[in-house]
Amino acid sequence: MRIALGSDHAGFLLKKKVTEHLLAAGHEVEDFGTDSEEPVDYPPFCAAAARAVAQGDAQFAVVIGGSGQGEAISANKVHRVRAALCHDETTARLARQHNNANVLSLGARMLAPELALIVLDVFLATAFEGGRHVPRIAEIDAIEDEECERSS
């Protein structure tokens, strides 16, 4: 599986651990930055990782920051991206099963690295349930389309 990564300085060290973990599991990784713990703004890195998913260049993306909140918000600005901020196995599982999330957001200051890797594994291993959730995803897409038309 090909997975895009993006982080700010606060998420950099966890992103390194996530990269090692993904590579060891046989995944391909594309890292959109940042490259150090030097302070940077997260939106461009998170949007770039999310765009890789939206354009079909990656199956999933992982965005990482201090809390993960701004990273999720930034990724969600990309058309057809559904980024979910997950703090545990349950939120990761439900984000995939019910929301068909395609971007995982992690807070490096919120989760121990060991838990973050468990959350990542659950997110990647969980399939979208479909069924009653399909119309809801279509409704989300319709809202997104309406907003894109309004801003044109």
C-alpha atoms as a PDB file:
ATOM      1  CA  MET A   1       0.000   0.000   0.000  1.00  0.00           C
ATOM      2  CA  ARG A   2       1.232   3.527  -0.761  1.00  0.00           C
ATOM      3  CA  ILE A   3       0.858   5.982   2.113  1.00  0.00           C
ATOM      4  CA  ALA A   4       1.528   9.722   2.055  1.00  0.00           C
ATOM      5  CA  LEU A   5       2.858  11.454   5.165  1.00  0.00           C
ATOM      6  CA  GLY A   6       2.907  15.059   6.276  1.00  0.00           C
ATOM      7  CA  SER A   7       3.755  16.711   9.558  1.00  0.00           C
ATOM      8  CA  ASP A   8       4.833  19.885  11.231  1.00  0.00           C
ATOM      9  CA  HIS A   9       7.793  20.188  13.585  1.00  0.00           C
ATOM     10  CA  ALA A  10       5.803  18.876  16.556  1.00  0.00           C
ATOM     11  CA  GLY A  11       4.927  15.725  14.628  1.00  0.00           C
ATOM     12  CA  PHE A  12       8.319  15.186  13.034  1.00  0.00           C
ATOM     13  CA  LEU A  13       9.704  12.603  15.476  1.00  0.00           C
ATOM     14  CA  LEU A  14       6.479  10.582  15.466  1.00  0.00           C
ATOM     15  CA  LYS A  15       6.443  10.760  11.662  1.00  0.00           C
ATOM     16  CA  LYS A  16       9.895   9.149  11.662  1.00  0.00           C
ATOM     17  CA  LYS A  17       8.565   6.286  13.815  1.00  0.00           C
ATOM     18  CA  VAL A  18       5.486   5.954  11.594  1.00  0.00           C
ATOM     19  CA  THR A  19       7.709   5.838   8.500  1.00  0.00           C
ATOM     20  CA  GLU A  20       9.891   3.076   9.968  1.00  0.00           C
ATOM     21  CA  HIS A  21       6.798   1.141  11.041  1.00  0.00           C
ATOM     22  CA  LEU A  22       5.143   1.398   7.634  1.00  0.00           C
ATOM     23  CA  LEU A  23       8.290   0.447   5.739  1.00  0.00           C
ATOM     24  CA  ALA A  24       8.837  -2.553   8.023  1.00  0.00           C
ATOM     25  CA  ALA A  25       5.275  -3.663   7.235  1.00  0.00           C
ATOM     26  CA  GLY A  26       6.031  -3.529   3.504  1.00  0.00           C
ATOM     27  CA  HIS A  27       4.230  -0.301   2.631  1.00  0.00           C
ATOM     28  CA  GLU A  28       5.517   2.403   0.316  1.00  0.00           C
ATOM     29  CA  VAL A  29       5.850   5.828   1.919  1.00  0.00           C
ATOM     30  CA  GLU A  30       5.928   9.264   0.356  1.00  0.00           C
ATOM     31  CA  ASP A  31       6.969  11.955   2.815  1.00  0.00           C
ATOM     32  CA  PHE A  32       5.764  15.474   2.034  1.00  0.00           C
ATOM     33  CA  GLY A  33       7.675  17.036   4.928  1.00  0.00           C
ATOM     34  CA  THR A  34       8.642  18.622   7.174  1.00  0.00           C
ATOM     35  CA  ASP A  35      12.215  17.443   7.514  1.00  0.00           C
ATOM     36  CA  SER A  36      13.159  18.561  11.015  1.00  0.00           C
ATOM     37  CA  GLU A  37      11.993  19.891  14.354  1.00  0.00           C
ATOM     38  CA  GLU A  38      12.497  23.476  13.168  1.00  0.00           C
ATOM     39  CA  PRO A  39       9.215  25.366  13.563  1.00  0.00           C
ATOM     40  CA  VAL A  40       7.050  25.409  10.422  1.00  0.00           C
ATOM     41  CA  ASP A  41       3.408  25.918   9.559  1.00  0.00           C
ATOM     42  CA  TYR A  42       1.600  22.616   9.019  1.00  0.00           C
ATOM     43  CA  PRO A  43      -1.083  23.407   6.383  1.00  0.00           C
ATOM     44  CA  PRO A  44       1.066  22.990   3.235  1.00  0.00           C
ATOM     45  CA  PHE A  45       2.512  19.646   4.373  1.00  0.00           C
ATOM     46  CA  CYS A  46      -0.864  18.232   5.349  1.00  0.00           C
ATOM     47  CA  ALA A  47      -2.555  19.458   2.181  1.00  0.00           C
ATOM     48  CA  ALA A  48       0.194  17.920   0.037  1.00  0.00           C
ATOM     49  CA  ALA A  49      -0.237  14.526   1.711  1.00  0.00           C
ATOM     50  CA  ALA A  50      -4.022  14.766   1.368  1.00  0.00           C
ATOM     51  CA  ARG A  51      -3.722  15.722  -2.309  1.00  0.00           C
ATOM     52  CA  ALA A  52      -1.739  12.541  -2.935  1.00  0.00           C
ATOM     53  CA  VAL A  53      -4.798  10.589  -1.763  1.00  0.00           C
ATOM     54  CA  ALA A  54      -7.279  12.746  -3.674  1.00  0.00           C
ATOM     55  CA  GLN A  55      -5.260  12.352  -6.886  1.00  0.00           C
ATOM     56  CA  GLY A  56      -4.943   8.587  -6.476  1.00  0.00           C
ATOM     57  CA  ASP A  57      -1.193   8.609  -5.875  1.00  0.00           C
ATOM     58  CA  ALA A  58      -1.637   7.116  -2.390  1.00  0.00           C
ATOM     59  CA  GLN A  59      -4.327   4.950  -0.826  1.00  0.00           C
ATOM     60  CA  PHE A  60      -4.119   6.736   2.513  1.00  0.00           C
ATOM     61  CA  ALA A  61      -2.313   9.602   4.191  1.00  0.00           C
ATOM     62  CA  VAL A  62      -1.197  10.209   7.746  1.00  0.00           C
ATOM     63  CA  VAL A  63      -0.813  13.773   8.985  1.00  0.00           C
ATOM     64  CA  ILE A  64       0.825  14.476  12.327  1.00  0.00           C
ATOM     65  CA  GLY A  65       1.147  17.526  14.523  1.00  0.00           C
ATOM     66  CA  GLY A  66       1.122  18.431  18.180  1.00  0.00           C
ATOM     67  CA  SER A  67      -2.602  17.864  18.671  1.00  0.00           C
ATOM     68  CA  GLY A  68      -3.463  16.640  15.177  1.00  0.00           C
ATOM     69  CA  GLN A  69      -6.458  18.963  15.066  1.00  0.00           C
ATOM     70  CA  GLY A  70      -5.135  21.609  12.695  1.00  0.00           C
ATOM     71  CA  GLU A  71      -3.600  18.895  10.557  1.00  0.00           C
ATOM     72  CA  ALA A  72      -6.991  17.204  10.150  1.00  0.00           C
ATOM     73  CA  ILE A  73      -8.647  20.520   9.351  1.00  0.00           C
ATOM     74  CA  SER A  74      -6.014  21.313   6.720  1.00  0.00           C
ATOM     75  CA  ALA A  75      -6.284  17.879   5.107  1.00  0.00           C
ATOM     76  CA  ASN A  76     -10.075  18.150   5.058  1.00  0.00           C
ATOM     77  CA  LYS A  77      -9.862  21.243   2.872  1.00  0.00           C
ATOM     78  CA  VAL A  78      -8.740  18.998   0.003  1.00  0.00           C
ATOM     79  CA  HIS A  79     -11.637  17.881  -2.213  1.00  0.00           C
ATOM     80  CA  ARG A  80     -12.799  14.300  -1.467  1.00  0.00           C
ATOM     81  CA  VAL A  81     -10.560  13.882   1.557  1.00  0.00           C
ATOM     82  CA  ARG A  82     -12.082  12.645   4.788  1.00  0.00           C
ATOM     83  CA  ALA A  83      -9.464  13.136   7.495  1.00  0.00           C
ATOM     84  CA  ALA A  84     -10.151  11.794  10.970  1.00  0.00           C
ATOM     85  CA  LEU A  85      -8.347  12.745  14.162  1.00  0.00           C
ATOM     86  CA  CYS A  86      -8.027   9.495  16.077  1.00  0.00           C
ATOM     87  CA  HIS A  87      -6.878   9.042  19.669  1.00  0.00           C
ATOM     88  CA  ASP A  88      -7.471   5.338  20.150  1.00  0.00           C
ATOM     89  CA  GLU A  89      -8.333   2.068  18.424  1.00  0.00           C
ATOM     90  CA  THR A  90     -12.079   2.729  18.568  1.00  0.00           C
ATOM     91  CA  THR A  91     -11.949   6.116  16.859  1.00  0.00           C
ATOM     92  CA  ALA A  92      -9.617   4.696  14.203  1.00  0.00           C
ATOM     93  CA  ARG A  93     -11.877   1.714  13.546  1.00  0.00           C
ATOM     94  CA  LEU A  94     -15.058   3.796  13.370  1.00  0.00           C
ATOM     95  CA  ALA A  95     -13.431   6.438  11.163  1.00  0.00           C
ATOM     96  CA  ARG A  96     -12.807   3.736   8.567  1.00  0.00           C
ATOM     97  CA  GLN A  97     -15.942   1.612   9.070  1.00  0.00           C
ATOM     98  CA  HIS A  98     -18.495   4.412   9.187  1.00  0.00           C
ATOM     99  CA  ASN A  99     -16.853   7.432   7.544  1.00  0.00           C
ATOM    100  CA  ASN A 100     -14.555   5.797   4.988  1.00  0.00           C
ATOM    101  CA  ALA A 101     -11.805   8.131   6.231  1.00  0.00           C
ATOM    102  CA  ASN A 102      -8.820   8.189   3.897  1.00  0.00           C
ATOM    103  CA  VAL A 103      -6.513  10.369   6.010  1.00  0.00           C
ATOM    104  CA  LEU A 104      -5.518   9.643   9.592  1.00  0.00           C
ATOM    105  CA  SER A 105      -4.528  12.563  11.794  1.00  0.00           C
ATOM    106  CA  LEU A 106      -2.430  11.930  14.888  1.00  0.00           C
ATOM    107  CA  GLY A 107      -1.413  14.199  17.747  1.00  0.00           C
ATOM    108  CA  ALA A 108       2.189  13.573  18.723  1.00  0.00           C
ATOM    109  CA  ARG A 109       1.646  15.390  22.022  1.00  0.00           C
ATOM    110  CA  MET A 110      -1.554  13.441  22.697  1.00  0.00           C
ATOM    111  CA  LEU A 111      -0.468   9.838  22.066  1.00  0.00           C
ATOM    112  CA  ALA A 112       2.485   7.762  23.146  1.00  0.00           C
ATOM    113  CA  PRO A 113       4.310   6.522  20.034  1.00  0.00           C
ATOM    114  CA  GLU A 114       3.367   2.917  20.819  1.00  0.00           C
ATOM    115  CA  LEU A 115      -0.336   3.785  20.905  1.00  0.00           C
ATOM    116  CA  ALA A 116      -0.026   5.921  17.774  1.00  0.00           C
ATOM    117  CA  LEU A 117       1.328   2.901  15.884  1.00  0.00           C
ATOM    118  CA  ILE A 118      -1.539   0.724  17.136  1.00  0.00           C
ATOM    119  CA  VAL A 119      -4.037   3.379  16.020  1.00  0.00           C
ATOM    120  CA  LEU A 120      -2.322   3.507  12.630  1.00  0.00           C
ATOM    121  CA  ASP A 121      -2.449  -0.273  12.222  1.00  0.00           C
ATOM    122  CA  VAL A 122      -6.150  -0.404  13.115  1.00  0.00           C
ATOM    123  CA  PHE A 123      -6.918   2.439  10.700  1.00  0.00           C
ATOM    124  CA  LEU A 124      -5.113   0.729   7.825  1.00  0.00           C
ATOM    125  CA  ALA A 125      -6.542  -2.731   8.548  1.00  0.00           C
ATOM    126  CA  THR A 126     -10.169  -1.651   8.850  1.00  0.00           C
ATOM    127  CA  ALA A 127     -12.444  -1.689   5.814  1.00  0.00           C
ATOM    128  CA  PHE A 128     -15.332   0.642   5.092  1.00  0.00           C
ATOM    129  CA  GLU A 129     -18.588  -1.130   5.983  1.00  0.00           C
ATOM    130  CA  GLY A 130     -20.631   0.441   3.212  1.00  0.00           C
ATOM    131  CA  GLY A 131     -24.343  -0.256   3.631  1.00  0.00           C
ATOM    132  CA  ARG A 132     -26.160   2.419   5.619  1.00  0.00           C
ATOM    133  CA  HIS A 133     -23.023   4.584   5.585  1.00  0.00           C
ATOM    134  CA  VAL A 134     -22.879   4.987   1.788  1.00  0.00           C
ATOM    135  CA  PRO A 135     -25.707   7.559   1.603  1.00  0.00           C
ATOM    136  CA  ARG A 136     -24.068   9.561   4.393  1.00  0.00           C
ATOM    137  CA  ILE A 137     -20.767   9.726   2.524  1.00  0.00           C
ATOM    138  CA  ALA A 138     -22.716  10.803  -0.580  1.00  0.00           C
ATOM    139  CA  GLU A 139     -24.332  13.566   1.491  1.00  0.00           C
ATOM    140  CA  ILE A 140     -20.911  14.739   2.666  1.00  0.00           C
ATOM    141  CA  ASP A 141     -19.704  14.744  -0.953  1.00  0.00           C
ATOM    142  CA  ALA A 142     -22.789  16.737  -2.004  1.00  0.00           C
ATOM    143  CA  ILE A 143     -22.109  19.378   0.656  1.00  0.00           C
ATOM    144  CA  GLU A 144     -18.510  19.587  -0.492  1.00  0.00           C
ATOM    145  CA  ASP A 145     -19.606  19.969  -4.118  1.00  0.00           C
ATOM    146  CA  GLU A 146     -22.079  22.732  -3.178  1.00  0.00           C
ATOM    147  CA  GLU A 147     -19.385  24.616  -1.285  1.00  0.00           C
ATOM    148  CA  CYS A 148     -16.937  24.274  -4.181  1.00  0.00           C
ATOM    149  CA  GLU A 149     -19.543  25.678  -6.567  1.00  0.00           C
ATOM    150  CA  ARG A 150     -20.301  28.577  -4.217  1.00  0.00           C
ATOM    151  CA  SER A 151     -16.655  29.546  -4.012  1.00  0.00           C
ATOM    152  CA  SER A 152     -16.101  29.475  -7.805  1.00  0.00           C
END
